Amino acid sequence: MKKYPKSSILSTVVVSALWSTCWLSLIAYSFQPKKPNIKMTRLYKQALMQI
């Protein structure tokens, strides 16, 4: 078992939090009859590019 520095642990926590929020919002959108906003899809693309 490697001992990871605190920064890597923090980054993994942040990434997992981002993914969970993305999935929750995607699920919420899928239940809505409206089409998702173009702005939101752009934000998702940016988030995915950063990760």
PDB file of N, CA and C in Angstrom:
ATOM      1  N   MET A   1       0.842  -1.211   0.000  1.00  0.00           N
ATOM      2  CA  MET A   1       0.000   0.000   0.000  1.00  0.00           C
ATOM      3  C   MET A   1       0.871   1.252   0.000  1.00  0.00           C
ATOM      4  N   LYS A   2       0.672   2.068  -0.983  1.00  0.00           N
ATOM      5  CA  LYS A   2       1.398   3.345  -1.023  1.00  0.00           C
ATOM      6  C   LYS A   2       0.715   4.359  -0.119  1.00  0.00           C
ATOM      7  N   LYS A   3       1.531   5.229   0.468  1.00  0.00           N
ATOM      8  CA  LYS A   3       0.951   6.342   1.224  1.00  0.00           C
ATOM      9  C   LYS A   3       0.884   7.549   0.309  1.00  0.00           C
ATOM     10  N   TYR A   4      -0.324   7.972   0.005  1.00  0.00           N
ATOM     11  CA  TYR A   4      -0.509   9.105  -0.891  1.00  0.00           C
ATOM     12  C   TYR A   4      -0.411  10.422  -0.130  1.00  0.00           C
ATOM     13  N   PRO A   5       0.110  11.469  -0.792  1.00  0.00           N
ATOM     14  CA  PRO A   5       0.102  12.795  -0.154  1.00  0.00           C
ATOM     15  C   PRO A   5      -1.324  13.316   0.002  1.00  0.00           C
ATOM     16  N   LYS A   6      -1.501  14.238   0.941  1.00  0.00           N
ATOM     17  CA  LYS A   6      -2.846  14.762   1.232  1.00  0.00           C
ATOM     18  C   LYS A   6      -3.486  15.407   0.011  1.00  0.00           C
ATOM     19  N   SER A   7      -2.679  16.028  -0.846  1.00  0.00           N
ATOM     20  CA  SER A   7      -3.221  16.725  -2.016  1.00  0.00           C
ATOM     21  C   SER A   7      -3.948  15.754  -2.951  1.00  0.00           C
ATOM     22  N   SER A   8      -3.379  14.561  -3.151  1.00  0.00           N
ATOM     23  CA  SER A   8      -4.011  13.585  -4.045  1.00  0.00           C
ATOM     24  C   SER A   8      -5.317  13.078  -3.452  1.00  0.00           C
ATOM     25  N   ILE A   9      -5.342  12.867  -2.145  1.00  0.00           N
ATOM     26  CA  ILE A   9      -6.573  12.420  -1.476  1.00  0.00           C
ATOM     27  C   ILE A   9      -7.652  13.486  -1.633  1.00  0.00           C
ATOM     28  N   LEU A  10      -7.261  14.745  -1.432  1.00  0.00           N
ATOM     29  CA  LEU A  10      -8.202  15.853  -1.559  1.00  0.00           C
ATOM     30  C   LEU A  10      -8.739  15.935  -2.984  1.00  0.00           C
ATOM     31  N   SER A  11      -7.862  15.774  -3.973  1.00  0.00           N
ATOM     32  CA  SER A  11      -8.292  15.856  -5.374  1.00  0.00           C
ATOM     33  C   SER A  11      -9.271  14.734  -5.714  1.00  0.00           C
ATOM     34  N   THR A  12      -9.010  13.523  -5.215  1.00  0.00           N
ATOM     35  CA  THR A  12      -9.923  12.415  -5.480  1.00  0.00           C
ATOM     36  C   THR A  12     -11.280  12.666  -4.847  1.00  0.00           C
ATOM     37  N   VAL A  13     -11.277  13.243  -3.650  1.00  0.00           N
ATOM     38  CA  VAL A  13     -12.540  13.578  -2.971  1.00  0.00           C
ATOM     39  C   VAL A  13     -13.313  14.612  -3.781  1.00  0.00           C
ATOM     40  N   VAL A  14     -12.597  15.635  -4.274  1.00  0.00           N
ATOM     41  CA  VAL A  14     -13.238  16.688  -5.069  1.00  0.00           C
ATOM     42  C   VAL A  14     -13.817  16.108  -6.353  1.00  0.00           C
ATOM     43  N   VAL A  15     -13.050  15.261  -7.018  1.00  0.00           N
ATOM     44  CA  VAL A  15     -13.503  14.644  -8.272  1.00  0.00           C
ATOM     45  C   VAL A  15     -14.735  13.776  -8.036  1.00  0.00           C
ATOM     46  N   SER A  16     -14.714  12.980  -6.966  1.00  0.00           N
ATOM     47  CA  SER A  16     -15.864  12.121  -6.664  1.00  0.00           C
ATOM     48  C   SER A  16     -17.096  12.958  -6.345  1.00  0.00           C
ATOM     49  N   ALA A  17     -16.901  14.070  -5.646  1.00  0.00           N
ATOM     50  CA  ALA A  17     -18.012  14.962  -5.323  1.00  0.00           C
ATOM     51  C   ALA A  17     -18.586  15.570  -6.597  1.00  0.00           C
ATOM     52  N   LEU A  18     -17.696  15.985  -7.506  1.00  0.00           N
ATOM     53  CA  LEU A  18     -18.140  16.542  -8.788  1.00  0.00           C
ATOM     54  C   LEU A  18     -18.942  15.513  -9.571  1.00  0.00           C
ATOM     55  N   TRP A  19     -18.458  14.269  -9.623  1.00  0.00           N
ATOM     56  CA  TRP A  19     -19.159  13.214 -10.350  1.00  0.00           C
ATOM     57  C   TRP A  19     -20.531  12.946  -9.754  1.00  0.00           C
ATOM     58  N   SER A  20     -20.595  12.901  -8.420  1.00  0.00           N
ATOM     59  CA  SER A  20     -21.879  12.614  -7.765  1.00  0.00           C
ATOM     60  C   SER A  20     -22.886  13.719  -8.061  1.00  0.00           C
ATOM     61  N   THR A  21     -22.450  14.984  -8.029  1.00  0.00           N
ATOM     62  CA  THR A  21     -23.355  16.099  -8.321  1.00  0.00           C
ATOM     63  C   THR A  21     -23.789  16.057  -9.791  1.00  0.00           C
ATOM     64  N   CYS A  22     -22.849  15.718 -10.672  1.00  0.00           N
ATOM     65  CA  CYS A  22     -23.171  15.613 -12.100  1.00  0.00           C
ATOM     66  C   CYS A  22     -24.239  14.544 -12.326  1.00  0.00           C
ATOM     67  N   TRP A  23     -24.048  13.375 -11.704  1.00  0.00           N
ATOM     68  CA  TRP A  23     -25.001  12.286 -11.885  1.00  0.00           C
ATOM     69  C   TRP A  23     -26.366  12.647 -11.312  1.00  0.00           C
ATOM     70  N   LEU A  24     -26.379  13.282 -10.135  1.00  0.00           N
ATOM     71  CA  LEU A  24     -27.651  13.662  -9.517  1.00  0.00           C
ATOM     72  C   LEU A  24     -28.414  14.642 -10.401  1.00  0.00           C
ATOM     73  N   SER A  25     -27.695  15.636 -10.925  1.00  0.00           N
ATOM     74  CA  SER A  25     -28.363  16.622 -11.783  1.00  0.00           C
ATOM     75  C   SER A  25     -28.817  15.994 -13.095  1.00  0.00           C
ATOM     76  N   LEU A  26     -28.023  15.062 -13.629  1.00  0.00           N
ATOM     77  CA  LEU A  26     -28.419  14.368 -14.860  1.00  0.00           C
ATOM     78  C   LEU A  26     -29.674  13.539 -14.630  1.00  0.00           C
ATOM     79  N   ILE A  27     -29.747  12.877 -13.494  1.00  0.00           N
ATOM     80  CA  ILE A  27     -30.934  12.077 -13.148  1.00  0.00           C
ATOM     81  C   ILE A  27     -32.144  12.995 -13.005  1.00  0.00           C
ATOM     82  N   ALA A  28     -31.936  14.138 -12.346  1.00  0.00           N
ATOM     83  CA  ALA A  28     -33.029  15.103 -12.178  1.00  0.00           C
ATOM     84  C   ALA A  28     -33.524  15.594 -13.539  1.00  0.00           C
ATOM     85  N   TYR A  29     -32.571  15.861 -14.449  1.00  0.00           N
ATOM     86  CA  TYR A  29     -32.953  16.323 -15.790  1.00  0.00           C
ATOM     87  C   TYR A  29     -33.700  15.242 -16.561  1.00  0.00           C
ATOM     88  N   SER A  30     -33.280  13.994 -16.416  1.00  0.00           N
ATOM     89  CA  SER A  30     -33.912  12.904 -17.158  1.00  0.00           C
ATOM     90  C   SER A  30     -35.370  12.734 -16.736  1.00  0.00           C
ATOM     91  N   PHE A  31     -35.681  13.064 -15.474  1.00  0.00           N
ATOM     92  CA  PHE A  31     -37.065  12.955 -15.005  1.00  0.00           C
ATOM     93  C   PHE A  31     -37.925  14.131 -15.458  1.00  0.00           C
ATOM     94  N   GLN A  32     -37.276  15.230 -15.863  1.00  0.00           N
ATOM     95  CA  GLN A  32     -38.042  16.389 -16.327  1.00  0.00           C
ATOM     96  C   GLN A  32     -38.425  16.224 -17.796  1.00  0.00           C
ATOM     97  N   PRO A  33     -39.649  16.628 -18.168  1.00  0.00           N
ATOM     98  CA  PRO A  33     -40.060  16.531 -19.568  1.00  0.00           C
ATOM     99  C   PRO A  33     -39.384  17.557 -20.470  1.00  0.00           C
ATOM    100  N   LYS A  34     -38.897  18.655 -19.866  1.00  0.00           N
ATOM    101  CA  LYS A  34     -38.246  19.707 -20.652  1.00  0.00           C
ATOM    102  C   LYS A  34     -36.912  19.228 -21.221  1.00  0.00           C
ATOM    103  N   LYS A  35     -36.502  19.909 -22.298  1.00  0.00           N
ATOM    104  CA  LYS A  35     -35.174  19.629 -22.839  1.00  0.00           C
ATOM    105  C   LYS A  35     -34.140  20.334 -21.968  1.00  0.00           C
ATOM    106  N   PRO A  36     -32.966  19.722 -21.749  1.00  0.00           N
ATOM    107  CA  PRO A  36     -31.940  20.374 -20.931  1.00  0.00           C
ATOM    108  C   PRO A  36     -31.408  21.634 -21.595  1.00  0.00           C
ATOM    109  N   ASN A  37     -31.009  22.591 -20.769  1.00  0.00           N
ATOM    110  CA  ASN A  37     -30.489  23.849 -21.295  1.00  0.00           C
ATOM    111  C   ASN A  37     -29.157  23.637 -21.995  1.00  0.00           C
ATOM    112  N   ILE A  38     -28.907  24.462 -22.995  1.00  0.00           N
ATOM    113  CA  ILE A  38     -27.640  24.388 -23.725  1.00  0.00           C
ATOM    114  C   ILE A  38     -26.492  24.784 -22.787  1.00  0.00           C
ATOM    115  N   LYS A  39     -26.757  25.749 -21.909  1.00  0.00           N
ATOM    116  CA  LYS A  39     -25.739  26.209 -20.967  1.00  0.00           C
ATOM    117  C   LYS A  39     -25.289  25.066 -20.057  1.00  0.00           C
ATOM    118  N   MET A  40     -26.251  24.265 -19.579  1.00  0.00           N
ATOM    119  CA  MET A  40     -25.922  23.168 -18.681  1.00  0.00           C
ATOM    120  C   MET A  40     -25.052  22.128 -19.394  1.00  0.00           C
ATOM    121  N   THR A  41     -25.383  21.823 -20.654  1.00  0.00           N
ATOM    122  CA  THR A  41     -24.591  20.843 -21.390  1.00  0.00           C
ATOM    123  C   THR A  41     -23.176  21.356 -21.613  1.00  0.00           C
ATOM    124  N   ARG A  42     -23.035  22.654 -21.846  1.00  0.00           N
ATOM    125  CA  ARG A  42     -21.704  23.250 -21.996  1.00  0.00           C
ATOM    126  C   ARG A  42     -20.916  23.098 -20.702  1.00  0.00           C
ATOM    127  N   LEU A  43     -21.599  23.341 -19.564  1.00  0.00           N
ATOM    128  CA  LEU A  43     -20.946  23.211 -18.263  1.00  0.00           C
ATOM    129  C   LEU A  43     -20.492  21.768 -18.034  1.00  0.00           C
ATOM    130  N   TYR A  44     -21.335  20.802 -18.434  1.00  0.00           N
ATOM    131  CA  TYR A  44     -20.970  19.402 -18.277  1.00  0.00           C
ATOM    132  C   TYR A  44     -19.744  19.065 -19.113  1.00  0.00           C
ATOM    133  N   LYS A  45     -19.704  19.569 -20.361  1.00  0.00           N
ATOM    134  CA  LYS A  45     -18.562  19.314 -21.230  1.00  0.00           C
ATOM    135  C   LYS A  45     -17.294  19.890 -20.610  1.00  0.00           C
ATOM    136  N   GLN A  46     -17.383  21.112 -20.050  1.00  0.00           N
ATOM    137  CA  GLN A  46     -16.228  21.738 -19.408  1.00  0.00           C
ATOM    138  C   GLN A  46     -15.770  20.919 -18.213  1.00  0.00           C
ATOM    139  N   ALA A  47     -16.713  20.458 -17.410  1.00  0.00           N
ATOM    140  CA  ALA A  47     -16.389  19.675 -16.223  1.00  0.00           C
ATOM    141  C   ALA A  47     -15.701  18.362 -16.629  1.00  0.00           C
ATOM    142  N   LEU A  48     -16.244  17.715 -17.661  1.00  0.00           N
ATOM    143  CA  LEU A  48     -15.658  16.450 -18.135  1.00  0.00           C
ATOM    144  C   LEU A  48     -14.255  16.674 -18.686  1.00  0.00           C
ATOM    145  N   MET A  49     -14.045  17.790 -19.383  1.00  0.00           N
ATOM    146  CA  MET A  49     -12.726  18.092 -19.926  1.00  0.00           C
ATOM    147  C   MET A  49     -11.725  18.311 -18.794  1.00  0.00           C
ATOM    148  N   GLN A  50     -12.160  18.987 -17.726  1.00  0.00           N
ATOM    149  CA  GLN A  50     -11.266  19.260 -16.592  1.00  0.00           C
ATOM    150  C   GLN A  50     -10.880  17.981 -15.864  1.00  0.00           C
ATOM    151  N   ILE A  51     -11.821  17.049 -15.751  1.00  0.00           N
ATOM    152  CA  ILE A  51     -11.546  15.764 -15.083  1.00  0.00           C
ATOM    153  C   ILE A  51     -10.800  14.881 -16.061  1.00  0.00           C
TER     154      ILE A  51
END
